[in-house]
Amino acid sequence: MSLSNIKVFEREDIKNILSASGFPKGNDMISQCIKFNIVEKKGNNKYMLPSKPVYYQKIGNAIQACRKQRNVTAARYRARIAAEIEYSEGFLNKHGFQVIGG
């Protein structure tokens, strides 16, 4: 394989390729693809697809890791919102307001 056949992509191109291939959308999926060697990062905003075939289980593992990461992020967000609501309710109750609903 000669170097003239190797194509370097920008991040937006990789995002479009992965999206068109049915991968979950988002930057976290690109990060997982780099981690699992599905996409090779060659520099700042320079990416390449691997020259060798990718084993299908690597793709499954990358998607699973992306979903797990998203679930952890969502759980942290829900916990932070619940704590803020609890604090706000306590603050309002302390100052004589009655909080209903919820």
Protein backbone atom coordinates (compact mmCIF):
# COMPACT_ATOMS: atom_id res chain seq x y z
CA MET A 1 0.00 0.00 0.00
CA SER A 2 1.45 3.34 -0.97
CA LEU A 3 1.08 6.46 1.12
CA SER A 4 -0.80 8.18 -1.71
CA ASN A 5 -3.78 5.86 -1.06
CA ILE A 6 -4.09 6.93 2.59
CA LYS A 7 -6.80 9.52 3.22
CA VAL A 8 -6.69 11.91 6.17
CA PHE A 9 -10.08 13.12 7.43
CA GLU A 10 -11.15 16.00 9.64
CA ARG A 11 -13.28 15.41 12.74
CA GLU A 12 -16.47 16.49 10.98
CA ASP A 13 -15.82 13.97 8.20
CA ILE A 14 -15.28 11.16 10.71
CA LYS A 15 -18.46 12.19 12.54
CA ASN A 16 -20.40 11.95 9.27
CA ILE A 17 -18.84 8.60 8.33
CA LEU A 18 -19.67 7.09 11.73
CA SER A 19 -23.19 8.50 11.67
CA ALA A 20 -23.82 7.14 8.17
CA SER A 21 -22.52 3.75 9.34
CA GLY A 22 -25.15 3.57 12.09
CA PHE A 23 -22.92 4.43 15.05
CA PRO A 24 -24.35 6.58 17.85
CA LYS A 25 -23.85 10.27 17.17
CA GLY A 26 -21.62 12.52 19.21
CA ASN A 27 -18.08 13.29 20.18
CA ASP A 28 -18.07 10.60 22.86
CA MET A 29 -18.52 7.95 20.15
CA ILE A 30 -15.53 9.31 18.25
CA SER A 31 -13.48 9.10 21.45
CA GLN A 32 -14.49 5.48 21.94
CA CYS A 33 -13.66 4.67 18.31
CA ILE A 34 -10.19 6.10 18.85
CA LYS A 35 -9.81 4.15 22.08
CA PHE A 36 -10.81 0.88 20.37
CA ASN A 37 -8.64 1.57 17.29
CA ILE A 38 -11.58 1.85 14.92
CA VAL A 39 -10.38 5.34 14.00
CA GLU A 40 -6.77 6.46 14.22
CA LYS A 41 -5.99 9.97 15.44
CA LYS A 42 -2.99 11.38 13.59
CA GLY A 43 -2.88 14.90 14.98
CA ASN A 44 -4.98 17.93 15.75
CA ASN A 45 -8.21 17.45 13.74
CA LYS A 46 -6.57 14.73 11.61
CA TYR A 47 -8.00 11.22 11.60
CA MET A 48 -7.60 8.11 9.49
CA LEU A 49 -9.52 4.92 9.08
CA PRO A 50 -7.36 1.86 9.81
CA SER A 51 -5.65 0.16 6.89
CA LYS A 52 -6.49 -3.30 8.28
CA PRO A 53 -10.00 -4.71 8.78
CA VAL A 54 -11.70 -4.05 12.12
CA TYR A 55 -13.07 -7.03 14.05
CA TYR A 56 -16.81 -6.58 14.51
CA GLN A 57 -16.65 -7.17 18.28
CA LYS A 58 -14.46 -4.06 18.62
CA ILE A 59 -17.30 -2.04 17.14
CA GLY A 60 -19.78 -3.60 19.57
CA ASN A 61 -17.45 -2.91 22.49
CA ALA A 62 -17.01 0.73 21.43
CA ILE A 63 -20.77 1.26 21.16
CA GLN A 64 -21.34 -0.43 24.52
CA ALA A 65 -18.65 1.72 26.17
CA CYS A 66 -20.20 4.86 24.66
CA ARG A 67 -23.65 3.95 26.01
CA LYS A 68 -22.22 3.14 29.43
CA GLN A 69 -20.43 6.50 29.53
CA ARG A 70 -23.62 8.30 28.52
CA ASN A 71 -25.60 6.50 31.25
CA VAL A 72 -23.03 7.50 33.88
CA THR A 73 -23.12 11.11 32.71
CA ALA A 74 -26.92 11.14 32.76
CA ALA A 75 -27.01 9.63 36.26
CA ARG A 76 -24.62 12.31 37.55
CA TYR A 77 -26.77 15.01 35.97
CA ARG A 78 -29.97 13.61 37.52
CA ALA A 79 -28.28 13.38 40.94
CA ARG A 80 -27.04 16.98 40.69
CA ILE A 81 -30.51 18.24 39.70
CA ALA A 82 -32.14 16.30 42.57
CA ALA A 83 -29.66 17.83 45.06
CA GLU A 84 -30.32 21.32 43.71
CA ILE A 85 -34.09 20.81 43.98
CA GLU A 86 -33.74 19.53 47.54
CA TYR A 87 -31.58 22.52 48.49
CA SER A 88 -34.01 24.96 46.87
CA GLU A 89 -37.01 23.41 48.64
CA GLY A 90 -35.19 23.61 51.97
CA PHE A 91 -34.26 27.24 51.35
CA LEU A 92 -37.86 28.18 50.48
CA ASN A 93 -39.29 26.27 53.46
CA LYS A 94 -36.78 27.96 55.75
CA HIS A 95 -37.98 31.36 54.58
CA GLY A 96 -41.65 30.59 55.13
CA PHE A 97 -42.73 29.45 51.70
CA GLN A 98 -44.73 26.32 51.23
CA VAL A 99 -43.52 24.08 48.40
CA ILE A 100 -46.21 21.88 46.86
CA GLY A 101 -46.03 19.28 44.12
CA GLY A 102 -42.99 17.37 43.02
